[in-house]
Amino acid sequence: MTLEETVARLRTRQSVPLFVGMVWDPAVRAALQESDPQTFFASAEIRDAGMTACAVAGLHLWNDDFSASHNLCQGIRTATGSYLHALCHRREGHQGEGLAANLGNARYWIRRTGAHPAYPAVYRAALELLDSAGTGWAAEAASRLRAHGSWDAGLVIDWFAEAEAGRLSGPALEALQELQVVEISTLMDWCLAHATG
């Protein structure tokens, strides 16, 4: 499976569960684990090896492969690595130390991320999704993001906690799951654009 095939396969996901469970597609996992970067990225020239590692970590996370993504993120000491590390712990759910600890860990990594250069693209994509979602929660979420004036990954962590506490309706939960897809896919587009020429 090539990079293009892997991304195309992951783009078929309309929603991603808030918390990881089982790996979504074992073939995607195998493609990411078994190919060296030169082979996997053969159709594009690698410009930034560190960003390539970020892209692979993000693709693993998009595929619900927490362990593979987290293992990579632990060794990436950049703002993008911190952002991905935060997403890993946000999606970790009740595993390991439990939900409260994992969400707290996600907040720590978001603070380490700072104002990530992908945030403007994520912000625009998120508002587009929320504006078209047609739920009261989505309208309120869009309003809160607009009040902030930029992407607020910490606010999304709060929404995950609200969802787990049962404070989101079914349509709101669906909108949050779709928002997660938009965030991950937009970040991956940014990573891939910076990884390859």
C-alpha atoms as a PDB file:
ATOM      1  CA  MET A   1       0.000   0.000   0.000  1.00  0.00           C
ATOM      2  CA  THR A   2       1.477   3.341  -1.045  1.00  0.00           C
ATOM      3  CA  LEU A   3       1.251   6.645   0.785  1.00  0.00           C
ATOM      4  CA  GLU A   4      -1.486   7.821  -1.579  1.00  0.00           C
ATOM      5  CA  GLU A   5      -3.467   4.590  -1.129  1.00  0.00           C
ATOM      6  CA  THR A   6      -3.088   4.790   2.649  1.00  0.00           C
ATOM      7  CA  VAL A   7      -4.327   8.377   2.817  1.00  0.00           C
ATOM      8  CA  ALA A   8      -7.185   7.614   0.400  1.00  0.00           C
ATOM      9  CA  ARG A   9      -8.225   4.654   2.547  1.00  0.00           C
ATOM     10  CA  LEU A  10      -8.191   6.732   5.734  1.00  0.00           C
ATOM     11  CA  ARG A  11     -10.194   9.501   4.036  1.00  0.00           C
ATOM     12  CA  THR A  12     -13.088   7.050   3.623  1.00  0.00           C
ATOM     13  CA  ARG A  13     -13.715   7.388   7.365  1.00  0.00           C
ATOM     14  CA  GLN A  14     -16.564   9.801   7.958  1.00  0.00           C
ATOM     15  CA  SER A  15     -16.102   9.730  11.704  1.00  0.00           C
ATOM     16  CA  VAL A  16     -13.465   8.486  14.086  1.00  0.00           C
ATOM     17  CA  PRO A  17     -14.480   7.325  17.573  1.00  0.00           C
ATOM     18  CA  LEU A  18     -13.451   9.732  20.280  1.00  0.00           C
ATOM     19  CA  PHE A  19     -11.321   7.112  21.986  1.00  0.00           C
ATOM     20  CA  VAL A  20      -9.217   4.443  20.313  1.00  0.00           C
ATOM     21  CA  GLY A  21     -10.228   0.824  20.556  1.00  0.00           C
ATOM     22  CA  MET A  22      -9.091  -1.628  17.953  1.00  0.00           C
ATOM     23  CA  VAL A  23      -6.959  -0.719  14.938  1.00  0.00           C
ATOM     24  CA  TRP A  24      -9.380   0.336  12.204  1.00  0.00           C
ATOM     25  CA  ASP A  25      -7.601  -1.210   9.192  1.00  0.00           C
ATOM     26  CA  PRO A  26      -4.870  -3.837   9.696  1.00  0.00           C
ATOM     27  CA  ALA A  27      -3.687  -3.313   6.086  1.00  0.00           C
ATOM     28  CA  VAL A  28      -2.987   0.366   6.816  1.00  0.00           C
ATOM     29  CA  ARG A  29      -1.121  -0.650   9.980  1.00  0.00           C
ATOM     30  CA  ALA A  30       0.982  -3.132   8.016  1.00  0.00           C
ATOM     31  CA  ALA A  31       1.760  -0.574   5.301  1.00  0.00           C
ATOM     32  CA  LEU A  32       2.920   1.951   7.885  1.00  0.00           C
ATOM     33  CA  GLN A  33       4.945  -0.525   9.934  1.00  0.00           C
ATOM     34  CA  GLU A  34       6.517  -2.618   7.195  1.00  0.00           C
ATOM     35  CA  SER A  35       7.644   0.072   4.759  1.00  0.00           C
ATOM     36  CA  ASP A  36      10.726   2.165   5.253  1.00  0.00           C
ATOM     37  CA  PRO A  37      10.137   5.887   4.612  1.00  0.00           C
ATOM     38  CA  GLN A  38      11.987   5.878   1.280  1.00  0.00           C
ATOM     39  CA  THR A  39       9.708   3.120  -0.020  1.00  0.00           C
ATOM     40  CA  PHE A  40       6.485   4.397   1.534  1.00  0.00           C
ATOM     41  CA  PHE A  41       7.093   7.964   0.310  1.00  0.00           C
ATOM     42  CA  ALA A  42       8.531   6.786  -3.026  1.00  0.00           C
ATOM     43  CA  SER A  43       6.165   8.970  -5.077  1.00  0.00           C
ATOM     44  CA  ALA A  44       7.408  12.158  -3.391  1.00  0.00           C
ATOM     45  CA  GLU A  45      10.796  13.541  -2.457  1.00  0.00           C
ATOM     46  CA  ILE A  46      11.292  13.678   1.312  1.00  0.00           C
ATOM     47  CA  ARG A  47      12.281  17.218   2.327  1.00  0.00           C
ATOM     48  CA  ASP A  48      12.028  16.875   6.093  1.00  0.00           C
ATOM     49  CA  ALA A  49      12.643  13.504   7.760  1.00  0.00           C
ATOM     50  CA  GLY A  50      11.270  14.754  11.091  1.00  0.00           C
ATOM     51  CA  MET A  51       8.029  15.843   9.473  1.00  0.00           C
ATOM     52  CA  THR A  52       7.861  12.477   7.722  1.00  0.00           C
ATOM     53  CA  ALA A  53       7.929  10.813  11.148  1.00  0.00           C
ATOM     54  CA  CYS A  54       5.118  13.142  12.245  1.00  0.00           C
ATOM     55  CA  ALA A  55       3.075  12.176   9.190  1.00  0.00           C
ATOM     56  CA  VAL A  56       3.521   8.465   9.906  1.00  0.00           C
ATOM     57  CA  ALA A  57       2.577   8.984  13.580  1.00  0.00           C
ATOM     58  CA  GLY A  58      -0.531  10.906  12.532  1.00  0.00           C
ATOM     59  CA  LEU A  59      -1.547   8.286   9.988  1.00  0.00           C
ATOM     60  CA  HIS A  60      -1.269   5.628  12.712  1.00  0.00           C
ATOM     61  CA  LEU A  61      -3.486   7.745  14.980  1.00  0.00           C
ATOM     62  CA  TRP A  62      -6.029   8.257  12.172  1.00  0.00           C
ATOM     63  CA  ASN A  63      -6.087   4.451  11.913  1.00  0.00           C
ATOM     64  CA  ASP A  64      -6.830   4.148  15.678  1.00  0.00           C
ATOM     65  CA  ASP A  65      -3.394   2.634  16.341  1.00  0.00           C
ATOM     66  CA  PHE A  66      -2.613   4.385  19.622  1.00  0.00           C
ATOM     67  CA  SER A  67       0.483   2.361  20.512  1.00  0.00           C
ATOM     68  CA  ALA A  68       2.248   2.840  17.175  1.00  0.00           C
ATOM     69  CA  SER A  69       1.443   6.547  17.084  1.00  0.00           C
ATOM     70  CA  HIS A  70       2.389   7.169  20.703  1.00  0.00           C
ATOM     71  CA  ASN A  71       5.684   5.292  20.359  1.00  0.00           C
ATOM     72  CA  LEU A  72       6.675   7.571  17.477  1.00  0.00           C
ATOM     73  CA  CYS A  73       5.440  10.774  19.144  1.00  0.00           C
ATOM     74  CA  GLN A  74       7.572  10.165  22.211  1.00  0.00           C
ATOM     75  CA  GLY A  75      10.689  10.634  20.097  1.00  0.00           C
ATOM     76  CA  ILE A  76       9.580  13.710  18.133  1.00  0.00           C
ATOM     77  CA  ARG A  77      10.664  16.827  20.011  1.00  0.00           C
ATOM     78  CA  THR A  78       8.952  19.484  17.901  1.00  0.00           C
ATOM     79  CA  ALA A  79       5.699  21.443  18.135  1.00  0.00           C
ATOM     80  CA  THR A  80       4.129  18.992  15.678  1.00  0.00           C
ATOM     81  CA  GLY A  81       5.301  16.044  17.753  1.00  0.00           C
ATOM     82  CA  SER A  82       3.759  17.667  20.833  1.00  0.00           C
ATOM     83  CA  TYR A  83       0.466  18.284  19.007  1.00  0.00           C
ATOM     84  CA  LEU A  84       0.314  14.666  17.874  1.00  0.00           C
ATOM     85  CA  HIS A  85       1.291  13.509  21.368  1.00  0.00           C
ATOM     86  CA  ALA A  86      -1.650  15.521  22.747  1.00  0.00           C
ATOM     87  CA  LEU A  87      -4.023  13.931  20.227  1.00  0.00           C
ATOM     88  CA  CYS A  88      -2.752  10.479  21.235  1.00  0.00           C
ATOM     89  CA  HIS A  89      -3.532  11.066  24.899  1.00  0.00           C
ATOM     90  CA  ARG A  90      -6.860  12.726  24.113  1.00  0.00           C
ATOM     91  CA  ARG A  91      -7.863   9.600  22.218  1.00  0.00           C
ATOM     92  CA  GLU A  92      -6.400   7.200  24.802  1.00  0.00           C
ATOM     93  CA  GLY A  93      -9.626   7.325  26.795  1.00  0.00           C
ATOM     94  CA  HIS A  94      -9.828   4.977  29.769  1.00  0.00           C
ATOM     95  CA  GLN A  95      -6.681   3.025  28.940  1.00  0.00           C
ATOM     96  CA  GLY A  96      -3.586   3.219  31.120  1.00  0.00           C
ATOM     97  CA  GLU A  97      -4.025   5.738  33.932  1.00  0.00           C
ATOM     98  CA  GLY A  98      -7.666   6.439  33.074  1.00  0.00           C
ATOM     99  CA  LEU A  99      -9.608   9.188  31.343  1.00  0.00           C
ATOM    100  CA  ALA A 100      -8.914  12.100  33.711  1.00  0.00           C
ATOM    101  CA  ALA A 101      -5.162  11.454  33.678  1.00  0.00           C
ATOM    102  CA  ASN A 102      -5.088  10.984  29.905  1.00  0.00           C
ATOM    103  CA  LEU A 103      -7.004  14.206  29.254  1.00  0.00           C
ATOM    104  CA  GLY A 104      -4.701  15.993  31.699  1.00  0.00           C
ATOM    105  CA  ASN A 105      -1.719  14.599  29.814  1.00  0.00           C
ATOM    106  CA  ALA A 106      -3.276  15.816  26.549  1.00  0.00           C
ATOM    107  CA  ARG A 107      -3.567  19.323  28.042  1.00  0.00           C
ATOM    108  CA  TYR A 108       0.112  19.218  29.031  1.00  0.00           C
ATOM    109  CA  TRP A 109       1.164  18.378  25.462  1.00  0.00           C
ATOM    110  CA  ILE A 110      -1.132  21.046  24.000  1.00  0.00           C
ATOM    111  CA  ARG A 111       0.563  23.643  26.200  1.00  0.00           C
ATOM    112  CA  ARG A 112       3.933  22.396  24.908  1.00  0.00           C
ATOM    113  CA  THR A 113       2.673  22.714  21.337  1.00  0.00           C
ATOM    114  CA  GLY A 114       2.170  26.474  21.524  1.00  0.00           C
ATOM    115  CA  ALA A 115       0.589  28.244  18.544  1.00  0.00           C
ATOM    116  CA  HIS A 116       1.091  25.540  15.927  1.00  0.00           C
ATOM    117  CA  PRO A 117       1.401  26.716  12.307  1.00  0.00           C
ATOM    118  CA  ALA A 118      -1.296  24.218  11.238  1.00  0.00           C
ATOM    119  CA  TYR A 119      -3.854  25.802  13.597  1.00  0.00           C
ATOM    120  CA  PRO A 120      -5.181  28.345  11.041  1.00  0.00           C
ATOM    121  CA  ALA A 121      -5.993  25.551   8.554  1.00  0.00           C
ATOM    122  CA  VAL A 122      -7.555  23.381  11.285  1.00  0.00           C
ATOM    123  CA  TYR A 123      -9.572  26.393  12.507  1.00  0.00           C
ATOM    124  CA  ARG A 124     -10.996  27.123   9.031  1.00  0.00           C
ATOM    125  CA  ALA A 125     -11.835  23.461   8.379  1.00  0.00           C
ATOM    126  CA  ALA A 126     -13.425  23.065  11.813  1.00  0.00           C
ATOM    127  CA  LEU A 127     -15.632  26.141  11.390  1.00  0.00           C
ATOM    128  CA  GLU A 128     -16.741  24.940   7.958  1.00  0.00           C
ATOM    129  CA  LEU A 129     -17.764  21.589   9.438  1.00  0.00           C
ATOM    130  CA  LEU A 130     -19.461  23.066  12.513  1.00  0.00           C
ATOM    131  CA  ASP A 131     -21.349  25.671  10.459  1.00  0.00           C
ATOM    132  CA  SER A 132     -22.786  22.931   8.249  1.00  0.00           C
ATOM    133  CA  ALA A 133     -23.509  20.396  11.020  1.00  0.00           C
ATOM    134  CA  GLY A 134     -26.960  21.760  11.795  1.00  0.00           C
ATOM    135  CA  THR A 135     -26.996  21.049  15.531  1.00  0.00           C
ATOM    136  CA  GLY A 136     -27.311  23.467  18.406  1.00  0.00           C
ATOM    137  CA  TRP A 137     -24.118  22.109  19.929  1.00  0.00           C
ATOM    138  CA  ALA A 138     -22.202  22.659  16.668  1.00  0.00           C
ATOM    139  CA  ALA A 139     -23.441  26.250  16.444  1.00  0.00           C
ATOM    140  CA  GLU A 140     -22.379  26.870  20.044  1.00  0.00           C
ATOM    141  CA  ALA A 141     -19.001  25.209  19.429  1.00  0.00           C
ATOM    142  CA  ALA A 142     -18.436  27.365  16.341  1.00  0.00           C
ATOM    143  CA  SER A 143     -19.353  30.459  18.351  1.00  0.00           C
ATOM    144  CA  ARG A 144     -16.855  29.552  21.079  1.00  0.00           C
ATOM    145  CA  LEU A 145     -14.099  28.992  18.505  1.00  0.00           C
ATOM    146  CA  ARG A 146     -14.879  32.312  16.800  1.00  0.00           C
ATOM    147  CA  ALA A 147     -14.748  34.058  20.179  1.00  0.00           C
ATOM    148  CA  HIS A 148     -11.283  32.587  20.675  1.00  0.00           C
ATOM    149  CA  GLY A 149     -10.276  33.701  17.168  1.00  0.00           C
ATOM    150  CA  SER A 150      -8.157  30.639  16.404  1.00  0.00           C
ATOM    151  CA  TRP A 151      -8.054  26.878  16.822  1.00  0.00           C
ATOM    152  CA  ASP A 152      -8.300  25.932  20.485  1.00  0.00           C
ATOM    153  CA  ALA A 153      -7.157  22.330  20.946  1.00  0.00           C
ATOM    154  CA  GLY A 154      -7.665  22.668  24.714  1.00  0.00           C
ATOM    155  CA  LEU A 155     -11.340  23.406  24.163  1.00  0.00           C
ATOM    156  CA  VAL A 156     -11.664  20.172  22.184  1.00  0.00           C
ATOM    157  CA  ILE A 157     -10.216  18.282  25.154  1.00  0.00           C
ATOM    158  CA  ASP A 158     -12.966  19.845  27.300  1.00  0.00           C
ATOM    159  CA  TRP A 159     -15.567  18.665  24.764  1.00  0.00           C
ATOM    160  CA  PHE A 160     -14.198  15.119  25.017  1.00  0.00           C
ATOM    161  CA  ALA A 161     -14.669  15.253  28.790  1.00  0.00           C
ATOM    162  CA  GLU A 162     -18.244  16.535  28.329  1.00  0.00           C
ATOM    163  CA  ALA A 163     -18.980  13.726  25.873  1.00  0.00           C
ATOM    164  CA  GLU A 164     -17.673  11.078  28.247  1.00  0.00           C
ATOM    165  CA  ALA A 165     -19.714  12.571  31.092  1.00  0.00           C
ATOM    166  CA  GLY A 166     -22.854  12.102  28.965  1.00  0.00           C
ATOM    167  CA  ARG A 167     -23.503  15.815  28.524  1.00  0.00           C
ATOM    168  CA  LEU A 168     -23.608  15.690  24.702  1.00  0.00           C
ATOM    169  CA  SER A 169     -26.618  14.560  22.681  1.00  0.00           C
ATOM    170  CA  GLY A 170     -26.284  11.935  19.959  1.00  0.00           C
ATOM    171  CA  PRO A 171     -26.093  14.540  17.151  1.00  0.00           C
ATOM    172  CA  ALA A 172     -23.559  16.583  19.154  1.00  0.00           C
ATOM    173  CA  LEU A 173     -21.419  13.479  19.698  1.00  0.00           C
ATOM    174  CA  GLU A 174     -21.531  12.741  15.954  1.00  0.00           C
ATOM    175  CA  ALA A 175     -20.470  16.322  15.214  1.00  0.00           C
ATOM    176  CA  LEU A 176     -17.559  15.994  17.654  1.00  0.00           C
ATOM    177  CA  GLN A 177     -16.454  12.750  16.008  1.00  0.00           C
ATOM    178  CA  GLU A 178     -16.590  14.444  12.593  1.00  0.00           C
ATOM    179  CA  LEU A 179     -14.637  17.372  14.029  1.00  0.00           C
ATOM    180  CA  GLN A 180     -11.945  14.940  15.114  1.00  0.00           C
ATOM    181  CA  VAL A 181     -11.662  13.638  11.533  1.00  0.00           C
ATOM    182  CA  VAL A 182     -11.339  17.197  10.245  1.00  0.00           C
ATOM    183  CA  GLU A 183      -8.632  18.013  12.789  1.00  0.00           C
ATOM    184  CA  ILE A 184      -6.582  14.887  12.108  1.00  0.00           C
ATOM    185  CA  SER A 185      -6.956  14.991   8.317  1.00  0.00           C
ATOM    186  CA  THR A 186      -6.105  18.698   8.130  1.00  0.00           C
ATOM    187  CA  LEU A 187      -3.051  18.204  10.335  1.00  0.00           C
ATOM    188  CA  MET A 188      -1.980  15.279   8.144  1.00  0.00           C
ATOM    189  CA  ASP A 189      -2.360  17.391   4.991  1.00  0.00           C
ATOM    190  CA  TRP A 190      -0.134  20.010   6.614  1.00  0.00           C
ATOM    191  CA  CYS A 191       2.446  17.424   7.733  1.00  0.00           C
ATOM    192  CA  LEU A 192       2.595  15.760   4.325  1.00  0.00           C
ATOM    193  CA  ALA A 193       2.961  19.105   2.557  1.00  0.00           C
ATOM    194  CA  HIS A 194       5.930  19.946   4.789  1.00  0.00           C
ATOM    195  CA  ALA A 195       7.436  16.443   4.702  1.00  0.00           C
ATOM    196  CA  THR A 196       7.642  16.135   0.938  1.00  0.00           C
ATOM    197  CA  GLY A 197       8.616  18.442  -1.908  1.00  0.00           C
END
